[in-house]
Amino acid sequence: MILTNSFPNCVRMQNQKKTDTRFMALALMLGRRGMGRVWPNPAVGCVLVRDGVVLGRGCTADGGRPHAEVVALAQAGDARLATAYVTLEPCAHTGQTGPCAQALIDAGVSRVVVATTDPDQRVSGQGIAMLRSAGVQVDVGICSMQADADHAGFFSRITQKRPFLTLKIASSLDGRIASVTGESQWITGPDARRAVHMMRARHDAVMIGGGTVRADDPTLTVRGLGVSRQPVRVIVSNAALVAPNLQVSAVDVPVWQCHGPDIAAPDWVTGIACPAPSGAIDMTAAMAALADRGITRVFCEGGGALAASLLSAELVDDLVVFHAGCVIGHDGTPSLAGLGVQALADAPRFDLAEVRSVGPDIMHRWTRA
């Protein structure tokens, strides 16, 4: 008899989980639209549903305000007895706006499904507690792995006091990023370059070293995608930047320079003084300084010396490598400067997360082991 009675309950639970997963997937998709656009806030998505019908949906607005829940509630108009699907625990503190948990309570929602909790001490569990105290049913953990990955930058800034960092390397099959003459444009094809622009757009800042600025003279902007909000351009260099010779100075997008304490940044650059023992910028300190300024996600495009310093300091969270079907030889420029690895056990290790073709090139994405 117990088994017979429990069968319908199991079916209902399974159906509810499928429904929750479907609407949370929509909320996650909405939240990703804010990546690179909402720092220092997390890129949250919210969907309001009643009787299987979507009443409102929203994502965190550019600059971080208003929050996703507020956007969705405004679109819904009447959210009484609705279920709210939110990719991150609703905030419980009053900042520039009131708590989103209270906004959901005031709107009369009956249930809130939260993908993952917020590690910020101002929220951490308090948003959920506020909802439950008001009689709102709260379920936590639907699509939590996807939500944790989407909010990794925000989490890193809160818990590690540094941004999440993606290091991108585009090289020949034999790991070279330039020919013997220094020619590097273009090793990979247009499809790979477009993929890189899409990656730039999902980060708060794009970072390169001073040597790459002088060698390649890039603009470091997102092009061809119609974006309205560009990532901050961060240059790591313990040498002065001369504006007339650099394209980065000709584009109206912020440029920050992480430099040593004895270097003065030019007036068109926001200078960030960092420790520079032996003349090399302390990248741990530089990353902490970027976090202090609200940056949650950094996309580093090298060159080899900067990439090596980030790897040595264990600051690389994701490693994206594009391999082109060409070989350059040992006299070309290697993709990485020396790491000083003497034992294989000491080599930085990554786990393979994704492999795919991008036009004629191959992209590997690795996550820190």
Protein backbone atom coordinates (compact mmCIF):
# COMPACT_ATOMS: atom_id res chain seq x y z
CA MET A 1 0.00 0.00 0.00
CA ILE A 2 2.84 2.42 0.81
CA LEU A 3 4.49 1.78 -2.53
CA THR A 4 1.20 2.27 -4.38
CA ASN A 5 0.49 5.59 -2.66
CA SER A 6 4.05 6.84 -3.11
CA PHE A 7 4.14 6.27 -6.87
CA PRO A 8 1.97 9.31 -7.79
CA ASN A 9 4.04 11.43 -5.42
CA CYS A 10 7.26 10.34 -7.15
CA VAL A 11 5.78 11.20 -10.54
CA ARG A 12 4.68 14.62 -9.30
CA MET A 13 8.14 15.28 -7.86
CA GLN A 14 9.83 14.25 -11.09
CA ASN A 15 7.49 16.43 -13.14
CA GLN A 16 8.07 19.36 -10.79
CA LYS A 17 11.83 18.95 -11.10
CA LYS A 18 11.57 18.93 -14.91
CA THR A 19 9.47 22.09 -14.78
CA ASP A 20 11.87 23.77 -12.37
CA THR A 21 14.87 22.82 -14.49
CA ARG A 22 13.23 24.19 -17.65
CA PHE A 23 12.42 27.58 -16.17
CA MET A 24 15.74 27.84 -14.33
CA ALA A 25 17.53 27.17 -17.64
CA LEU A 26 15.66 30.18 -19.04
CA ALA A 27 16.70 32.28 -16.03
CA LEU A 28 20.34 31.24 -16.51
CA MET A 29 20.18 32.17 -20.19
CA LEU A 30 18.82 35.60 -19.27
CA GLY A 31 21.48 36.10 -16.61
CA ARG A 32 24.30 35.40 -19.06
CA ARG A 33 23.22 38.43 -21.08
CA GLY A 34 24.63 40.59 -18.31
CA MET A 35 28.12 39.08 -18.28
CA GLY A 36 30.70 41.82 -18.74
CA ARG A 37 28.05 44.53 -18.33
CA VAL A 38 26.94 44.52 -14.68
CA TRP A 39 30.13 44.52 -12.57
CA PRO A 40 30.67 44.72 -9.64
CA ASN A 41 27.29 42.99 -9.32
CA PRO A 42 26.56 39.40 -10.37
CA ALA A 43 24.82 38.73 -13.68
CA VAL A 44 21.53 37.31 -12.36
CA GLY A 45 18.49 36.09 -14.26
CA CYS A 46 14.92 35.85 -12.96
CA VAL A 47 11.72 34.32 -14.39
CA LEU A 48 8.25 34.63 -12.85
CA VAL A 49 5.81 31.83 -13.64
CA ARG A 50 2.19 31.17 -12.66
CA ASP A 51 0.24 28.11 -13.83
CA GLY A 52 2.95 27.34 -16.38
CA VAL A 53 2.78 30.81 -17.96
CA VAL A 54 5.76 33.18 -17.87
CA LEU A 55 4.57 36.49 -16.38
CA GLY A 56 7.86 38.35 -16.36
CA ARG A 57 11.55 37.85 -16.89
CA GLY A 58 14.61 39.96 -16.40
CA CYS A 59 18.35 40.14 -15.97
CA THR A 60 20.56 42.49 -14.03
CA ALA A 61 20.67 45.78 -15.93
CA ASP A 62 23.87 47.38 -17.24
CA GLY A 63 25.94 48.78 -14.40
CA GLY A 64 24.28 46.45 -11.89
CA ARG A 65 20.95 48.24 -11.31
CA PRO A 66 18.10 47.41 -11.24
CA HIS A 67 18.44 43.79 -10.17
CA ALA A 68 16.94 40.95 -12.17
CA GLU A 69 14.08 40.34 -9.71
CA VAL A 70 12.99 43.98 -9.89
CA VAL A 71 13.06 43.93 -13.70
CA ALA A 72 10.99 40.73 -13.82
CA LEU A 73 8.46 42.02 -11.26
CA ALA A 74 8.00 45.26 -13.19
CA GLN A 75 7.34 43.30 -16.38
CA ALA A 76 4.90 40.96 -14.65
CA GLY A 77 2.83 43.67 -13.01
CA ASP A 78 0.84 41.14 -10.97
CA ALA A 79 3.02 38.35 -9.56
CA ARG A 80 0.71 37.13 -6.79
CA LEU A 81 1.00 33.37 -6.14
CA ALA A 82 3.72 33.10 -8.82
CA THR A 83 6.92 31.08 -8.62
CA ALA A 84 10.15 33.04 -9.03
CA TYR A 85 13.15 31.30 -10.56
CA VAL A 86 16.33 33.16 -9.61
CA THR A 87 19.90 32.15 -10.49
CA LEU A 88 21.35 33.58 -7.26
CA GLU A 89 19.91 34.02 -3.77
CA PRO A 90 17.91 37.28 -3.65
CA CYS A 91 19.69 40.02 -1.73
CA ALA A 92 18.59 40.79 1.83
CA HIS A 93 20.36 44.10 2.44
CA THR A 94 19.57 47.68 1.53
CA GLY A 95 22.14 49.29 -0.76
CA GLN A 96 21.32 51.66 -3.60
CA THR A 97 17.98 49.84 -3.75
CA GLY A 98 15.90 47.81 -1.31
CA PRO A 99 16.29 44.06 -0.76
CA CYS A 100 15.08 41.88 -3.63
CA ALA A 101 13.86 39.28 -1.13
CA GLN A 102 11.48 41.88 0.32
CA ALA A 103 10.38 42.91 -3.18
CA LEU A 104 9.37 39.31 -3.91
CA ILE A 105 7.52 39.11 -0.60
CA ASP A 106 5.68 42.37 -1.24
CA ALA A 107 4.71 41.14 -4.72
CA GLY A 108 2.99 38.12 -3.16
CA VAL A 109 4.98 35.32 -4.80
CA SER A 110 4.25 31.94 -3.20
CA ARG A 111 7.47 30.11 -4.09
CA VAL A 112 11.06 31.02 -4.94
CA VAL A 113 13.42 28.56 -6.61
CA VAL A 114 17.08 29.55 -6.10
CA ALA A 115 19.86 28.02 -8.15
CA THR A 116 22.69 28.79 -5.72
CA THR A 117 23.36 30.77 -2.55
CA ASP A 118 25.23 34.07 -2.29
CA PRO A 119 28.56 34.03 -0.38
CA ASP A 120 28.38 37.79 0.30
CA GLN A 121 28.11 38.14 4.08
CA ARG A 122 25.39 40.76 3.62
CA VAL A 123 23.22 38.09 1.97
CA SER A 124 24.57 34.58 2.64
CA GLY A 125 21.46 32.68 3.72
CA GLN A 126 19.67 35.81 4.90
CA GLY A 127 17.72 36.30 1.67
CA ILE A 128 16.39 32.74 1.91
CA ALA A 129 15.64 33.16 5.62
CA MET A 130 13.73 36.40 4.96
CA LEU A 131 11.56 34.70 2.35
CA ARG A 132 10.83 31.68 4.52
CA SER A 133 9.98 33.86 7.52
CA ALA A 134 7.35 35.54 5.36
CA GLY A 135 5.81 32.16 4.53
CA VAL A 136 7.29 31.86 1.04
CA GLN A 137 8.33 28.34 0.01
CA VAL A 138 12.01 28.33 -1.00
CA ASP A 139 13.78 25.51 -2.85
CA VAL A 140 17.52 25.68 -3.46
CA GLY A 141 19.88 23.83 -5.79
CA ILE A 142 18.16 23.54 -9.18
CA CYS A 143 20.89 23.88 -11.88
CA SER A 144 23.38 24.79 -9.16
CA MET A 145 26.47 23.68 -11.11
CA GLN A 146 25.57 25.90 -14.06
CA ALA A 147 24.79 28.81 -11.76
CA ASP A 148 28.07 28.40 -9.86
CA ALA A 149 29.95 28.52 -13.17
CA ASP A 150 28.04 31.59 -14.35
CA HIS A 151 28.65 33.44 -11.08
CA ALA A 152 32.28 32.31 -10.70
CA GLY A 153 33.60 35.84 -11.19
CA PHE A 154 31.36 37.35 -8.53
CA PHE A 155 32.14 34.47 -6.17
CA SER A 156 35.88 34.81 -6.75
CA ARG A 157 35.82 38.53 -5.96
CA ILE A 158 33.90 37.88 -2.74
CA THR A 159 35.75 34.79 -1.48
CA GLN A 160 39.25 35.12 -2.98
CA LYS A 161 39.46 38.92 -3.25
CA ARG A 162 40.41 38.68 -6.92
CA PRO A 163 38.59 38.40 -10.25
CA PHE A 164 38.04 35.13 -12.07
CA LEU A 165 40.69 35.00 -14.79
CA THR A 166 40.55 33.40 -18.23
CA LEU A 167 43.86 33.14 -20.09
CA LYS A 168 43.59 32.90 -23.87
CA ILE A 169 46.44 31.66 -26.06
CA ALA A 170 46.32 31.48 -29.86
CA SER A 171 49.26 29.56 -31.26
CA SER A 172 50.58 27.34 -33.99
CA LEU A 173 50.55 23.56 -33.52
CA ASP A 174 54.04 23.79 -32.04
CA GLY A 175 53.07 26.46 -29.50
CA ARG A 176 54.40 29.58 -31.24
CA ILE A 177 52.57 32.94 -31.27
CA ALA A 178 54.78 34.76 -33.79
CA SER A 179 57.31 34.06 -36.51
CA VAL A 180 61.04 34.69 -36.24
CA THR A 181 60.40 38.23 -37.54
CA GLY A 182 57.69 38.88 -34.94
CA GLU A 183 54.75 38.54 -37.35
CA SER A 184 51.69 37.33 -35.45
CA GLN A 185 48.61 38.55 -37.35
CA TRP A 186 46.95 36.28 -38.01
CA ILE A 187 47.88 32.80 -36.81
CA THR A 188 44.26 31.74 -36.32
CA GLY A 189 41.38 32.32 -38.72
CA PRO A 190 38.44 34.76 -38.69
CA ASP A 191 36.10 32.30 -36.94
CA ALA A 192 38.49 31.99 -34.00
CA ARG A 193 38.93 35.77 -33.87
CA ARG A 194 35.17 36.24 -33.76
CA ALA A 195 34.95 33.67 -30.94
CA VAL A 196 37.57 35.69 -29.04
CA HIS A 197 35.53 38.87 -29.45
CA MET A 198 32.53 37.04 -27.99
CA MET A 199 34.67 35.99 -25.03
CA ARG A 200 35.87 39.56 -24.54
CA ALA A 201 32.26 40.74 -24.43
CA ARG A 202 31.47 38.37 -21.53
CA HIS A 203 34.27 39.73 -19.34
CA ASP A 204 34.56 42.95 -17.37
CA ALA A 205 38.12 43.61 -18.46
CA VAL A 206 40.58 42.59 -21.18
CA MET A 207 44.21 42.37 -20.07
CA ILE A 208 47.51 42.32 -21.96
CA GLY A 209 51.14 43.08 -21.21
CA GLY A 210 53.02 46.17 -22.27
CA GLY A 211 55.15 44.17 -24.69
CA THR A 212 52.05 43.02 -26.59
CA VAL A 213 50.77 46.61 -26.73
CA ARG A 214 54.00 47.76 -28.35
CA ALA A 215 54.37 44.75 -30.67
CA ASP A 216 50.77 44.36 -31.91
CA ASP A 217 49.25 47.81 -31.18
CA PRO A 218 45.75 46.36 -30.56
CA THR A 219 42.58 48.32 -29.78
CA LEU A 220 41.36 45.58 -27.37
CA THR A 221 37.71 46.40 -28.10
CA VAL A 222 34.82 44.08 -28.95
CA ARG A 223 34.05 44.50 -32.64
CA GLY A 224 31.47 43.10 -35.02
CA LEU A 225 28.95 42.11 -32.33
CA GLY A 226 27.07 45.37 -31.83
CA VAL A 227 27.80 45.59 -28.10
CA SER A 228 27.02 48.85 -26.34
CA ARG A 229 29.25 48.35 -23.29
CA GLN A 230 32.94 47.62 -23.82
CA PRO A 231 35.21 45.87 -21.29
CA VAL A 232 37.81 47.92 -19.49
CA ARG A 233 41.23 47.56 -21.13
CA VAL A 234 43.97 46.71 -18.63
CA ILE A 235 47.64 46.99 -19.56
CA VAL A 236 50.25 45.48 -17.26
CA SER A 237 53.45 47.40 -17.81
CA ASN A 238 56.19 48.82 -15.67
CA ALA A 239 57.06 51.27 -18.43
CA ALA A 240 55.40 54.51 -19.51
CA LEU A 241 52.77 54.31 -22.26
CA VAL A 242 53.28 56.80 -25.09
CA ALA A 243 49.83 57.79 -26.39
CA PRO A 244 50.58 58.99 -29.95
CA ASN A 245 51.88 55.55 -30.92
CA LEU A 246 49.09 53.42 -29.43
CA GLN A 247 45.64 52.61 -30.81
CA VAL A 248 44.30 52.02 -27.29
CA SER A 249 44.59 55.76 -26.67
CA ALA A 250 42.45 56.62 -29.69
CA VAL A 251 39.30 54.75 -28.59
CA ASP A 252 36.90 56.15 -26.00
CA VAL A 253 36.99 53.11 -23.74
CA PRO A 254 38.66 53.18 -20.31
CA VAL A 255 42.31 52.12 -20.12
CA TRP A 256 43.84 51.08 -16.81
CA GLN A 257 47.54 50.50 -16.34
CA CYS A 258 48.93 48.27 -13.61
CA HIS A 259 52.39 49.73 -13.09
CA GLY A 260 55.17 49.82 -10.54
CA PRO A 261 55.31 52.41 -7.75
CA ASP A 262 57.93 54.50 -9.57
CA ILE A 263 56.03 54.90 -12.86
CA ALA A 264 53.59 57.74 -13.52
CA ALA A 265 50.62 56.80 -15.71
CA PRO A 266 49.74 59.29 -18.49
CA ASP A 267 46.60 61.42 -18.12
CA TRP A 268 44.58 59.26 -20.55
CA VAL A 269 45.11 56.20 -18.37
CA THR A 270 43.83 55.25 -14.93
CA GLY A 271 46.99 54.27 -13.10
CA ILE A 272 47.02 51.43 -10.58
CA ALA A 273 50.26 51.37 -8.63
CA CYS A 274 51.35 47.83 -7.71
CA PRO A 275 54.38 46.30 -6.04
CA ALA A 276 57.05 45.47 -8.61
CA PRO A 277 59.86 43.47 -7.00
CA SER A 278 62.80 43.10 -9.38
CA GLY A 279 60.92 45.25 -11.91
CA ALA A 280 58.11 42.74 -12.57
CA ILE A 281 54.55 43.61 -11.53
CA ASP A 282 53.26 41.51 -8.64
CA MET A 283 50.25 39.95 -10.39
CA THR A 284 48.59 38.77 -7.17
CA ALA A 285 48.57 42.36 -5.96
CA ALA A 286 47.43 43.60 -9.38
CA MET A 287 44.48 41.20 -9.44
CA ALA A 288 43.49 42.23 -5.92
CA ALA A 289 43.60 45.88 -7.02
CA LEU A 290 41.28 45.12 -9.94
CA ALA A 291 38.86 43.37 -7.55
CA ASP A 292 38.93 46.44 -5.29
CA ARG A 293 37.72 48.46 -8.29
CA GLY A 294 34.82 46.09 -8.88
CA ILE A 295 36.18 43.85 -11.64
CA THR A 296 34.86 40.28 -11.38
CA ARG A 297 35.98 38.67 -14.68
CA VAL A 298 39.26 39.26 -16.56
CA PHE A 299 40.11 37.97 -20.04
CA CYS A 300 43.87 37.92 -20.53
CA GLU A 301 45.30 37.78 -24.04
CA GLY A 302 48.99 37.69 -23.15
CA GLY A 303 51.75 37.91 -24.18
CA GLY A 304 54.03 35.16 -23.08
CA ALA A 305 55.64 36.87 -20.11
CA LEU A 306 52.35 38.00 -18.59
CA ALA A 307 50.76 34.59 -19.20
CA ALA A 308 53.68 32.88 -17.47
CA SER A 309 53.51 35.20 -14.48
CA LEU A 310 49.80 34.52 -14.04
CA LEU A 311 50.30 30.77 -14.29
CA SER A 312 53.21 30.86 -11.84
CA ALA A 313 51.10 32.80 -9.35
CA GLU A 314 48.22 30.27 -9.73
CA LEU A 315 45.83 32.99 -10.86
CA VAL A 316 44.49 31.30 -14.02
CA ASP A 317 41.04 29.75 -13.58
CA ASP A 318 40.21 28.96 -17.22
CA LEU A 319 42.76 28.36 -19.97
CA VAL A 320 41.49 28.72 -23.55
CA VAL A 321 43.89 27.62 -26.28
CA PHE A 322 43.28 28.05 -30.01
CA HIS A 323 45.54 25.92 -32.18
CA ALA A 324 45.97 26.76 -35.86
CA GLY A 325 47.02 24.14 -38.40
CA CYS A 326 50.46 25.55 -39.00
CA VAL A 327 53.96 25.11 -37.58
CA ILE A 328 56.51 27.89 -37.10
CA GLY A 329 59.52 26.22 -35.52
CA HIS A 330 61.69 26.76 -32.49
CA ASP A 331 62.94 30.16 -33.73
CA GLY A 332 59.42 31.61 -33.44
CA THR A 333 58.11 33.30 -30.31
CA PRO A 334 56.87 30.77 -27.73
CA SER A 335 53.38 31.21 -26.30
CA LEU A 336 54.77 31.21 -22.76
CA ALA A 337 57.89 32.60 -21.13
CA GLY A 338 59.82 30.38 -18.75
CA LEU A 339 57.99 29.01 -15.73
CA GLY A 340 61.02 27.55 -14.00
CA VAL A 341 59.35 24.14 -13.65
CA GLN A 342 61.93 21.57 -12.59
CA ALA A 343 59.65 18.70 -11.59
CA LEU A 344 56.51 17.67 -13.46
CA ALA A 345 54.68 17.49 -10.14
CA ASP A 346 55.15 21.26 -9.85
CA ALA A 347 53.73 22.07 -13.30
CA PRO A 348 50.38 23.93 -13.34
CA ARG A 349 47.63 21.41 -14.05
CA PHE A 350 44.26 21.87 -15.75
CA ASP A 351 41.30 19.61 -16.48
CA LEU A 352 39.91 19.46 -20.02
CA ALA A 353 36.42 20.99 -20.14
CA GLU A 354 35.72 21.43 -23.85
CA VAL A 355 37.14 20.73 -27.30
CA ARG A 356 35.59 22.02 -30.51
CA SER A 357 36.40 23.12 -34.02
CA VAL A 358 36.26 26.85 -34.71
CA GLY A 359 36.53 27.20 -38.46
CA PRO A 360 39.84 25.60 -39.45
CA ASP A 361 41.20 25.92 -35.90
CA ILE A 362 40.75 23.85 -32.74
CA MET A 363 39.76 25.34 -29.39
CA HIS A 364 40.57 23.62 -26.09
CA ARG A 365 39.13 24.98 -22.84
CA TRP A 366 40.73 23.83 -19.61
CA THR A 367 39.74 24.55 -16.01
CA ARG A 368 42.12 24.73 -13.08
CA ALA A 369 42.56 21.31 -11.51
